[in-house]
């Protein structure tokens, strides 16, 4: 029996808590192939206004069907332990937002530059200790900001 290539992509990149960026990239590939990537980028319409046209009703129903599929794909592509943390959330946007808050890492380059500068900082002869402490505090603040941006 031939496996679906999309299943293979998500199976090989199942989210385990440390591969958030790779998992998200694979998820976007699969959802773009299925023409459901818009679910991750647009807000979920909860109600349909009264007097909506049949075209709007169709779009609304398709959105809900795609939303259920995307939520299922997201949950199925996680390890069981992580899946249990997010299976009670009904909205794709809230699942992705919470995952981003917990697992996303900042831009590797900016983190690398700030960390490198922090560890290479040393006290030069003739410089007051206070200026070194201030510089280290500034670097610590920069690293903390990078951490909170994710």
C-alpha atoms as a PDB file:
ATOM      1  CA  UNK A   1       0.000   0.000   0.000  1.00  0.00           C
ATOM      2  CA  UNK A   2       1.400   3.394  -1.017  1.00  0.00           C
ATOM      3  CA  UNK A   3       1.639   6.060   1.660  1.00  0.00           C
ATOM      4  CA  UNK A   4       0.410   9.576   1.086  1.00  0.00           C
ATOM      5  CA  UNK A   5       3.512  11.802   0.683  1.00  0.00           C
ATOM      6  CA  UNK A   6       1.934  14.383   2.981  1.00  0.00           C
ATOM      7  CA  UNK A   7       1.615  11.795   5.724  1.00  0.00           C
ATOM      8  CA  UNK A   8       5.280  10.946   5.261  1.00  0.00           C
ATOM      9  CA  UNK A   9       6.302  14.619   5.553  1.00  0.00           C
ATOM     10  CA  UNK A  10       4.414  15.105   8.815  1.00  0.00           C
ATOM     11  CA  UNK A  11       5.407  11.662  10.096  1.00  0.00           C
ATOM     12  CA  UNK A  12       9.090  12.403   9.586  1.00  0.00           C
ATOM     13  CA  UNK A  13       8.755  15.822  11.226  1.00  0.00           C
ATOM     14  CA  UNK A  14       6.362  14.976  14.050  1.00  0.00           C
ATOM     15  CA  UNK A  15       6.476  17.770  16.617  1.00  0.00           C
ATOM     16  CA  UNK A  16       8.367  16.625  19.714  1.00  0.00           C
ATOM     17  CA  UNK A  17       8.985  19.882  21.573  1.00  0.00           C
ATOM     18  CA  UNK A  18      12.383  20.787  20.142  1.00  0.00           C
ATOM     19  CA  UNK A  19      11.749  20.920  16.391  1.00  0.00           C
ATOM     20  CA  UNK A  20       9.160  23.711  16.270  1.00  0.00           C
ATOM     21  CA  UNK A  21      10.627  25.566  13.279  1.00  0.00           C
ATOM     22  CA  UNK A  22      11.045  22.424  11.165  1.00  0.00           C
ATOM     23  CA  UNK A  23       7.592  21.166  12.130  1.00  0.00           C
ATOM     24  CA  UNK A  24       5.954  24.498  11.285  1.00  0.00           C
ATOM     25  CA  UNK A  25       7.687  24.588   7.889  1.00  0.00           C
ATOM     26  CA  UNK A  26       6.503  21.041   7.117  1.00  0.00           C
ATOM     27  CA  UNK A  27       2.992  21.862   8.288  1.00  0.00           C
ATOM     28  CA  UNK A  28       2.849  24.878   5.970  1.00  0.00           C
ATOM     29  CA  UNK A  29       4.041  22.736   3.043  1.00  0.00           C
ATOM     30  CA  UNK A  30       1.300  20.189   3.658  1.00  0.00           C
ATOM     31  CA  UNK A  31      -1.426  22.795   4.176  1.00  0.00           C
ATOM     32  CA  UNK A  32      -0.369  24.776   1.103  1.00  0.00           C
ATOM     33  CA  UNK A  33      -0.545  21.590  -0.958  1.00  0.00           C
ATOM     34  CA  UNK A  34      -4.051  20.958   0.389  1.00  0.00           C
ATOM     35  CA  UNK A  35      -5.013  24.634  -0.258  1.00  0.00           C
ATOM     36  CA  UNK A  36      -5.708  25.098   3.445  1.00  0.00           C
ATOM     37  CA  UNK A  37      -2.784  27.314   4.413  1.00  0.00           C
ATOM     38  CA  UNK A  38      -5.105  30.292   4.718  1.00  0.00           C
ATOM     39  CA  UNK A  39      -6.492  28.814   7.936  1.00  0.00           C
ATOM     40  CA  UNK A  40      -3.178  29.524   9.677  1.00  0.00           C
ATOM     41  CA  UNK A  41      -3.022  33.113   8.444  1.00  0.00           C
ATOM     42  CA  UNK A  42      -6.564  34.457   8.762  1.00  0.00           C
ATOM     43  CA  UNK A  43      -8.867  34.848  11.725  1.00  0.00           C
ATOM     44  CA  UNK A  44     -11.591  32.288  12.218  1.00  0.00           C
ATOM     45  CA  UNK A  45     -15.083  33.709  11.500  1.00  0.00           C
ATOM     46  CA  UNK A  46     -17.326  32.509  14.322  1.00  0.00           C
ATOM     47  CA  UNK A  47     -20.703  33.612  13.002  1.00  0.00           C
ATOM     48  CA  UNK A  48     -22.270  34.330   9.668  1.00  0.00           C
ATOM     49  CA  UNK A  49     -24.097  37.680   9.402  1.00  0.00           C
ATOM     50  CA  UNK A  50     -27.827  37.613   8.748  1.00  0.00           C
ATOM     51  CA  UNK A  51     -28.836  38.050   5.138  1.00  0.00           C
ATOM     52  CA  UNK A  52     -25.627  36.526   3.798  1.00  0.00           C
ATOM     53  CA  UNK A  53     -25.598  35.378   0.202  1.00  0.00           C
ATOM     54  CA  UNK A  54     -25.396  31.716  -0.730  1.00  0.00           C
ATOM     55  CA  UNK A  55     -21.799  32.283  -1.846  1.00  0.00           C
ATOM     56  CA  UNK A  56     -20.923  33.676   1.595  1.00  0.00           C
ATOM     57  CA  UNK A  57     -22.648  30.723   3.260  1.00  0.00           C
ATOM     58  CA  UNK A  58     -20.663  28.319   1.093  1.00  0.00           C
ATOM     59  CA  UNK A  59     -17.406  30.084   1.938  1.00  0.00           C
ATOM     60  CA  UNK A  60     -18.292  30.058   5.639  1.00  0.00           C
ATOM     61  CA  UNK A  61     -19.061  26.316   5.593  1.00  0.00           C
ATOM     62  CA  UNK A  62     -15.884  25.562   3.627  1.00  0.00           C
ATOM     63  CA  UNK A  63     -13.887  27.614   6.148  1.00  0.00           C
ATOM     64  CA  UNK A  64     -15.281  25.565   9.037  1.00  0.00           C
ATOM     65  CA  UNK A  65     -14.638  22.271   7.241  1.00  0.00           C
ATOM     66  CA  UNK A  66     -11.061  23.304   6.410  1.00  0.00           C
ATOM     67  CA  UNK A  67     -10.575  24.555   9.962  1.00  0.00           C
ATOM     68  CA  UNK A  68     -11.562  21.153  11.387  1.00  0.00           C
ATOM     69  CA  UNK A  69      -9.194  19.398   8.960  1.00  0.00           C
ATOM     70  CA  UNK A  70      -6.277  21.719   9.755  1.00  0.00           C
ATOM     71  CA  UNK A  71      -6.828  21.323  13.498  1.00  0.00           C
ATOM     72  CA  UNK A  72      -6.818  17.553  13.070  1.00  0.00           C
ATOM     73  CA  UNK A  73      -3.656  17.663  10.953  1.00  0.00           C
ATOM     74  CA  UNK A  74      -1.916  19.847  13.545  1.00  0.00           C
ATOM     75  CA  UNK A  75      -2.864  17.561  16.421  1.00  0.00           C
ATOM     76  CA  UNK A  76      -2.005  14.396  14.477  1.00  0.00           C
ATOM     77  CA  UNK A  77       1.459  15.755  13.708  1.00  0.00           C
ATOM     78  CA  UNK A  78       2.407  16.070  17.406  1.00  0.00           C
ATOM     79  CA  UNK A  79       3.791  13.543  19.836  1.00  0.00           C
ATOM     80  CA  UNK A  80       1.163  12.123  22.191  1.00  0.00           C
ATOM     81  CA  UNK A  81       2.397  14.054  25.233  1.00  0.00           C
ATOM     82  CA  UNK A  82       2.243  17.394  23.464  1.00  0.00           C
ATOM     83  CA  UNK A  83      -1.018  16.503  21.760  1.00  0.00           C
ATOM     84  CA  UNK A  84      -2.676  16.111  25.168  1.00  0.00           C
ATOM     85  CA  UNK A  85      -1.740  19.702  26.041  1.00  0.00           C
ATOM     86  CA  UNK A  86      -3.486  21.176  23.002  1.00  0.00           C
ATOM     87  CA  UNK A  87      -6.390  18.860  22.176  1.00  0.00           C
ATOM     88  CA  UNK A  88      -8.831  20.883  24.281  1.00  0.00           C
ATOM     89  CA  UNK A  89      -8.252  24.050  22.268  1.00  0.00           C
ATOM     90  CA  UNK A  90     -10.811  24.382  19.477  1.00  0.00           C
ATOM     91  CA  UNK A  91      -9.226  27.180  17.483  1.00  0.00           C
ATOM     92  CA  UNK A  92      -6.180  26.677  15.226  1.00  0.00           C
ATOM     93  CA  UNK A  93      -4.986  30.225  15.926  1.00  0.00           C
ATOM     94  CA  UNK A  94      -4.967  29.667  19.691  1.00  0.00           C
ATOM     95  CA  UNK A  95      -3.111  26.350  19.313  1.00  0.00           C
ATOM     96  CA  UNK A  96      -0.456  27.943  17.115  1.00  0.00           C
ATOM     97  CA  UNK A  97      -0.147  31.026  19.336  1.00  0.00           C
ATOM     98  CA  UNK A  98       0.401  28.972  22.478  1.00  0.00           C
ATOM     99  CA  UNK A  99       2.884  26.731  20.700  1.00  0.00           C
ATOM    100  CA  UNK A 100       4.770  29.782  19.477  1.00  0.00           C
ATOM    101  CA  UNK A 101       4.909  31.212  22.995  1.00  0.00           C
ATOM    102  CA  UNK A 102       6.262  27.970  24.420  1.00  0.00           C
ATOM    103  CA  UNK A 103       8.446  26.473  21.695  1.00  0.00           C
ATOM    104  CA  UNK A 104       9.519  29.106  19.160  1.00  0.00           C
ATOM    105  CA  UNK A 105      13.117  30.248  19.229  1.00  0.00           C
ATOM    106  CA  UNK A 106      14.210  33.666  18.010  1.00  0.00           C
ATOM    107  CA  UNK A 107      16.116  34.356  14.872  1.00  0.00           C
ATOM    108  CA  UNK A 108      19.259  32.270  15.231  1.00  0.00           C
ATOM    109  CA  UNK A 109      21.551  34.956  13.915  1.00  0.00           C
ATOM    110  CA  UNK A 110      20.426  37.669  16.330  1.00  0.00           C
ATOM    111  CA  UNK A 111      20.605  35.238  19.233  1.00  0.00           C
ATOM    112  CA  UNK A 112      24.072  34.117  18.148  1.00  0.00           C
ATOM    113  CA  UNK A 113      25.388  37.682  17.831  1.00  0.00           C
ATOM    114  CA  UNK A 114      24.068  38.735  21.236  1.00  0.00           C
ATOM    115  CA  UNK A 115      25.349  35.595  22.945  1.00  0.00           C
ATOM    116  CA  UNK A 116      28.755  35.870  21.293  1.00  0.00           C
ATOM    117  CA  UNK A 117      29.123  39.487  22.381  1.00  0.00           C
ATOM    118  CA  UNK A 118      28.023  38.603  25.913  1.00  0.00           C
ATOM    119  CA  UNK A 119      30.617  35.850  26.304  1.00  0.00           C
ATOM    120  CA  UNK A 120      33.418  37.812  24.655  1.00  0.00           C
ATOM    121  CA  UNK A 121      32.955  40.797  26.927  1.00  0.00           C
ATOM    122  CA  UNK A 122      35.892  41.274  29.227  1.00  0.00           C
ATOM    123  CA  UNK A 123      37.196  44.026  31.405  1.00  0.00           C
ATOM    124  CA  UNK A 124      39.873  46.119  29.744  1.00  0.00           C
ATOM    125  CA  UNK A 125      42.661  47.670  31.724  1.00  0.00           C
ATOM    126  CA  UNK A 126      41.912  51.182  32.873  1.00  0.00           C
ATOM    127  CA  UNK A 127      38.128  50.773  32.535  1.00  0.00           C
ATOM    128  CA  UNK A 128      35.959  51.091  35.601  1.00  0.00           C
ATOM    129  CA  UNK A 129      34.071  48.055  36.831  1.00  0.00           C
ATOM    130  CA  UNK A 130      30.803  49.984  36.667  1.00  0.00           C
ATOM    131  CA  UNK A 131      31.018  50.374  32.882  1.00  0.00           C
ATOM    132  CA  UNK A 132      31.593  46.616  32.479  1.00  0.00           C
ATOM    133  CA  UNK A 133      28.597  45.831  34.667  1.00  0.00           C
ATOM    134  CA  UNK A 134      26.431  48.271  32.686  1.00  0.00           C
ATOM    135  CA  UNK A 135      27.505  46.681  29.398  1.00  0.00           C
ATOM    136  CA  UNK A 136      26.744  43.191  30.717  1.00  0.00           C
ATOM    137  CA  UNK A 137      23.334  44.350  31.937  1.00  0.00           C
ATOM    138  CA  UNK A 138      22.575  45.818  28.498  1.00  0.00           C
ATOM    139  CA  UNK A 139      23.570  42.553  26.830  1.00  0.00           C
ATOM    140  CA  UNK A 140      21.456  40.599  29.299  1.00  0.00           C
ATOM    141  CA  UNK A 141      18.497  42.847  28.483  1.00  0.00           C
ATOM    142  CA  UNK A 142      19.065  42.263  24.753  1.00  0.00           C
ATOM    143  CA  UNK A 143      19.124  38.491  25.255  1.00  0.00           C
ATOM    144  CA  UNK A 144      15.994  38.686  27.392  1.00  0.00           C
ATOM    145  CA  UNK A 145      14.233  40.732  24.705  1.00  0.00           C
ATOM    146  CA  UNK A 146      15.160  38.169  22.055  1.00  0.00           C
ATOM    147  CA  UNK A 147      13.744  35.460  24.312  1.00  0.00           C
ATOM    148  CA  UNK A 148      10.443  37.313  24.791  1.00  0.00           C
ATOM    149  CA  UNK A 149       9.988  38.015  21.068  1.00  0.00           C
ATOM    150  CA  UNK A 150       9.394  34.361  20.372  1.00  0.00           C
END
